[in-house]
Amino acid sequence: MPIEVFVIWLLVGAVSGWLAGLIVEGSGFGLIGDIIVGILGSFIAGYLLPKLGIHIGSGLLAHIINGAIGGVVLLLVIALIRRT
């Protein structure tokens, strides 16, 4: 994997994780945590959204939106687990 692709993954993960943290209040994990939430959220959204028949599109902005949606789902699941 070229280094440019890795840097783009990190940037998209950071932005989408940060957006997910803003949407789900009280779920800030710092820069590294936001990157992880964003990247995992991208995988979650990549699996869930097509199953629901939702296609946002392609491109950098679509990847950020997908990551944020998946990140919100991930943060909500984490919040549910923390409560129990």
Protein backbone atom coordinates (compact mmCIF):
# COMPACT_ATOMS: atom_id res chain seq x y z
CA MET A 1 0.00 0.00 0.00
CA PRO A 2 1.50 3.35 -0.97
CA ILE A 3 2.08 5.83 1.83
CA GLU A 4 -0.35 8.30 0.25
CA VAL A 5 -3.23 5.83 0.60
CA PHE A 6 -2.32 5.25 4.24
CA VAL A 7 -2.27 9.00 4.95
CA ILE A 8 -5.67 9.43 3.26
CA TRP A 9 -7.07 6.58 5.40
CA LEU A 10 -5.81 8.35 8.51
CA LEU A 11 -7.24 11.72 7.46
CA VAL A 12 -10.63 10.33 6.49
CA GLY A 13 -10.71 8.32 9.71
CA ALA A 14 -9.81 11.36 11.81
CA VAL A 15 -12.42 13.62 10.21
CA SER A 16 -15.21 11.06 10.24
CA GLY A 17 -14.40 9.98 13.81
CA TRP A 18 -14.37 13.62 14.92
CA LEU A 19 -17.76 14.19 13.25
CA ALA A 20 -19.18 11.08 14.90
CA GLY A 21 -17.87 12.31 18.26
CA LEU A 22 -19.64 15.64 17.72
CA ILE A 23 -22.92 13.93 16.86
CA VAL A 24 -22.79 11.54 19.82
CA GLU A 25 -22.02 13.88 22.69
CA GLY A 26 -19.67 12.76 25.42
CA SER A 27 -17.85 10.31 23.16
CA GLY A 28 -14.54 12.04 22.51
CA PHE A 29 -11.58 9.67 22.43
CA GLY A 30 -8.82 12.04 21.32
CA LEU A 31 -7.06 12.02 17.96
CA ILE A 32 -6.00 8.37 17.93
CA GLY A 33 -9.40 7.23 19.18
CA ASP A 34 -11.20 9.35 16.59
CA ILE A 35 -9.08 7.84 13.83
CA ILE A 36 -9.88 4.33 15.04
CA VAL A 37 -13.59 5.14 15.39
CA GLY A 38 -13.64 6.66 11.89
CA ILE A 39 -11.86 3.73 10.24
CA LEU A 40 -13.96 1.13 12.05
CA GLY A 41 -17.04 3.22 11.28
CA SER A 42 -16.17 3.13 7.59
CA PHE A 43 -16.12 -0.67 7.68
CA ILE A 44 -19.39 -0.78 9.63
CA ALA A 45 -21.11 1.62 7.23
CA GLY A 46 -19.65 -0.24 4.26
CA TYR A 47 -21.42 -3.35 5.51
CA LEU A 48 -24.68 -1.91 6.88
CA LEU A 49 -25.64 0.78 4.38
CA PRO A 50 -25.79 -1.45 1.28
CA LYS A 51 -27.84 -3.98 3.28
CA LEU A 52 -30.33 -1.16 3.96
CA GLY A 53 -30.31 -0.10 0.31
CA ILE A 54 -28.52 3.20 0.97
CA HIS A 55 -25.81 4.34 -1.44
CA ILE A 56 -24.26 7.72 -0.75
CA GLY A 57 -21.89 7.83 -3.71
CA SER A 58 -18.18 7.82 -4.27
CA GLY A 59 -15.39 10.21 -3.58
CA LEU A 60 -13.69 11.62 -0.54
CA LEU A 61 -16.75 13.36 0.88
CA ALA A 62 -18.85 10.21 0.56
CA HIS A 63 -16.19 8.24 2.43
CA ILE A 64 -16.17 10.81 5.22
CA ILE A 65 -19.98 10.69 5.46
CA ASN A 66 -19.96 6.88 5.46
CA GLY A 67 -17.30 6.84 8.17
CA ALA A 68 -19.24 9.32 10.27
CA ILE A 69 -22.46 7.29 9.98
CA GLY A 70 -20.65 4.10 10.90
CA GLY A 71 -18.80 5.92 13.68
CA VAL A 72 -22.09 7.10 15.16
CA VAL A 73 -23.38 3.53 15.10
CA LEU A 74 -20.17 2.32 16.75
CA LEU A 75 -20.26 5.04 19.43
CA LEU A 76 -23.90 4.29 20.23
CA VAL A 77 -23.09 0.60 20.63
CA ILE A 78 -20.13 1.48 22.88
CA ALA A 79 -22.40 3.76 24.95
CA LEU A 80 -24.92 0.93 25.36
CA ILE A 81 -22.19 -1.47 26.47
CA ARG A 82 -20.78 1.03 28.98
CA ARG A 83 -24.19 1.47 30.61
CA THR A 84 -24.54 -2.22 31.40
